[in-house]
C-alpha atoms as a PDB file:
ATOM      1  CA  MET A   1       0.000   0.000   0.000  1.00  0.00           C
ATOM      2  CA  LYS A   2       1.453   3.353  -1.043  1.00  0.00           C
ATOM      3  CA  ALA A   3      -0.753   5.563   1.156  1.00  0.00           C
ATOM      4  CA  LYS A   4       0.612   7.208   4.297  1.00  0.00           C
ATOM      5  CA  ALA A   5      -1.269   7.945   7.504  1.00  0.00           C
ATOM      6  CA  TYR A   6      -1.248  11.660   8.353  1.00  0.00           C
ATOM      7  CA  LYS A   7       0.224  12.798  11.709  1.00  0.00           C
ATOM      8  CA  SER A   8      -2.092  11.354  14.378  1.00  0.00           C
ATOM      9  CA  THR A   9      -4.277   9.113  12.232  1.00  0.00           C
ATOM     10  CA  VAL A  10      -4.306   5.373  11.640  1.00  0.00           C
ATOM     11  CA  VAL A  11      -5.341   3.537   8.468  1.00  0.00           C
ATOM     12  CA  ILE A  12      -7.070   0.327   9.535  1.00  0.00           C
ATOM     13  CA  ASP A  13      -8.588  -2.887   8.311  1.00  0.00           C
ATOM     14  CA  LYS A  14     -11.698  -3.966  10.202  1.00  0.00           C
ATOM     15  CA  ILE A  15     -11.666  -7.419  11.780  1.00  0.00           C
ATOM     16  CA  LYS A  16     -15.050  -9.099  11.652  1.00  0.00           C
ATOM     17  CA  GLU A  17     -16.185 -10.333  15.045  1.00  0.00           C
ATOM     18  CA  GLU A  18     -19.116 -12.515  15.898  1.00  0.00           C
ATOM     19  CA  VAL A  19     -20.932 -10.923  18.817  1.00  0.00           C
ATOM     20  CA  LYS A  20     -23.213 -13.177  20.850  1.00  0.00           C
ATOM     21  CA  THR A  21     -25.605 -12.606  23.716  1.00  0.00           C
ATOM     22  CA  ARG A  22     -25.377 -14.606  26.949  1.00  0.00           C
ATOM     23  CA  THR A  23     -27.934 -17.018  25.547  1.00  0.00           C
ATOM     24  CA  GLY A  24     -25.910 -17.615  22.375  1.00  0.00           C
ATOM     25  CA  LEU A  25     -27.825 -15.486  19.861  1.00  0.00           C
ATOM     26  CA  SER A  26     -25.606 -13.898  17.204  1.00  0.00           C
ATOM     27  CA  LEU A  27     -25.980 -10.128  16.827  1.00  0.00           C
ATOM     28  CA  PRO A  28     -25.631  -8.474  13.414  1.00  0.00           C
ATOM     29  CA  ASP A  29     -22.541  -6.357  12.757  1.00  0.00           C
ATOM     30  CA  ASP A  30     -23.922  -2.818  12.696  1.00  0.00           C
ATOM     31  CA  LYS A  31     -23.448   0.662  14.144  1.00  0.00           C
ATOM     32  CA  ALA A  32     -25.274  -0.398  17.351  1.00  0.00           C
ATOM     33  CA  ILE A  33     -22.000  -1.918  18.551  1.00  0.00           C
ATOM     34  CA  ARG A  34     -19.861   1.122  19.259  1.00  0.00           C
ATOM     35  CA  TYR A  35     -16.434  -0.442  19.831  1.00  0.00           C
ATOM     36  CA  LYS A  36     -15.011  -2.489  16.964  1.00  0.00           C
ATOM     37  CA  LEU A  37     -11.891  -4.582  16.446  1.00  0.00           C
ATOM     38  CA  GLY A  38      -9.367  -3.329  13.914  1.00  0.00           C
ATOM     39  CA  LYS A  39      -5.842  -3.928  12.666  1.00  0.00           C
ATOM     40  CA  ALA A  40      -3.360  -1.115  11.938  1.00  0.00           C
ATOM     41  CA  VAL A  41      -2.297  -0.997   8.285  1.00  0.00           C
ATOM     42  CA  LYS A  42      -0.458   2.356   8.413  1.00  0.00           C
ATOM     43  CA  VAL A  43       0.288   4.449  11.486  1.00  0.00           C
ATOM     44  CA  GLY A  44       0.863   8.220  11.469  1.00  0.00           C
ATOM     45  CA  PRO A  45       4.187   9.536  12.825  1.00  0.00           C
ATOM     46  CA  ASP A  46       2.613  11.151  15.909  1.00  0.00           C
ATOM     47  CA  VAL A  47       0.798   7.991  17.069  1.00  0.00           C
ATOM     48  CA  GLU A  48       2.511   6.485  20.115  1.00  0.00           C
ATOM     49  CA  GLY A  49       2.320   2.896  21.330  1.00  0.00           C
ATOM     50  CA  LEU A  50       0.908   1.440  18.110  1.00  0.00           C
ATOM     51  CA  LYS A  51       2.672  -0.165  15.170  1.00  0.00           C
ATOM     52  CA  GLU A  52       1.569  -1.699  11.875  1.00  0.00           C
ATOM     53  CA  GLY A  53      -0.086  -5.072  12.395  1.00  0.00           C
ATOM     54  CA  ASP A  54      -1.300  -4.350  15.950  1.00  0.00           C
ATOM     55  CA  GLU A  55      -4.909  -5.228  16.757  1.00  0.00           C
ATOM     56  CA  PHE A  56      -7.028  -2.915  18.894  1.00  0.00           C
ATOM     57  CA  TYR A  57     -10.548  -1.843  19.824  1.00  0.00           C
ATOM     58  CA  TYR A  58     -11.630   1.581  18.623  1.00  0.00           C
ATOM     59  CA  ASP A  59     -14.662   3.870  18.753  1.00  0.00           C
ATOM     60  CA  ASN A  60     -16.267   3.529  15.327  1.00  0.00           C
ATOM     61  CA  MET A  61     -18.153   6.838  15.515  1.00  0.00           C
ATOM     62  CA  GLY A  62     -15.223   8.748  13.992  1.00  0.00           C
ATOM     63  CA  GLU A  63     -14.192   6.378  11.205  1.00  0.00           C
ATOM     64  CA  SER A  64     -13.984   7.449   7.567  1.00  0.00           C
ATOM     65  CA  GLU A  65     -14.003   5.000   4.668  1.00  0.00           C
ATOM     66  CA  ILE A  66     -11.420   5.305   1.891  1.00  0.00           C
ATOM     67  CA  ARG A  67     -10.379   3.194  -1.094  1.00  0.00           C
ATOM     68  CA  VAL A  68      -6.738   2.701  -2.007  1.00  0.00           C
ATOM     69  CA  GLU A  69      -5.828   0.686  -5.092  1.00  0.00           C
ATOM     70  CA  GLY A  70      -9.353  -0.770  -5.145  1.00  0.00           C
ATOM     71  CA  LYS A  71      -9.306  -1.988  -1.520  1.00  0.00           C
ATOM     72  CA  LYS A  72     -11.506  -0.556   1.210  1.00  0.00           C
ATOM     73  CA  TYR A  73      -9.831   0.844   4.371  1.00  0.00           C
ATOM     74  CA  TRP A  74     -10.923   3.098   7.196  1.00  0.00           C
ATOM     75  CA  VAL A  75      -9.144   6.073   8.761  1.00  0.00           C
ATOM     76  CA  ILE A  76      -9.465   6.888  12.456  1.00  0.00           C
ATOM     77  CA  SER A  77      -7.840   9.328  14.841  1.00  0.00           C
ATOM     78  CA  ASP A  78      -5.449   7.956  17.427  1.00  0.00           C
ATOM     79  CA  LYS A  79      -7.731   9.335  20.177  1.00  0.00           C
ATOM     80  CA  ASP A  80     -10.441   6.849  19.066  1.00  0.00           C
ATOM     81  CA  ILE A  81      -8.243   3.856  19.966  1.00  0.00           C
ATOM     82  CA  LYS A  82      -9.430   2.457  23.289  1.00  0.00           C
ATOM     83  CA  VAL A  83      -7.499  -0.797  23.872  1.00  0.00           C
ATOM     84  CA  ILE A  84      -4.421  -2.212  22.114  1.00  0.00           C
ATOM     85  CA  LEU A  85      -4.308  -5.990  22.310  1.00  0.00           C
END
């Protein structure tokens, strides 16, 4: 990928998770689930504690979709990252 993340942003790939209730019912993947799992593809130079390939949970309210070389990615701010795994 030739794109670069700008300053304090992260270019991510979403990781699909299966969310289940206590009784075992699968919930659909939608905006109702606020915190999503992602993987860092490119990390801006001002982002600390995160490197390419790291997985993390982030607040999906601030994500922006982009396409680079025909592939879909999302861009988030480093402040939206909640937990690095």
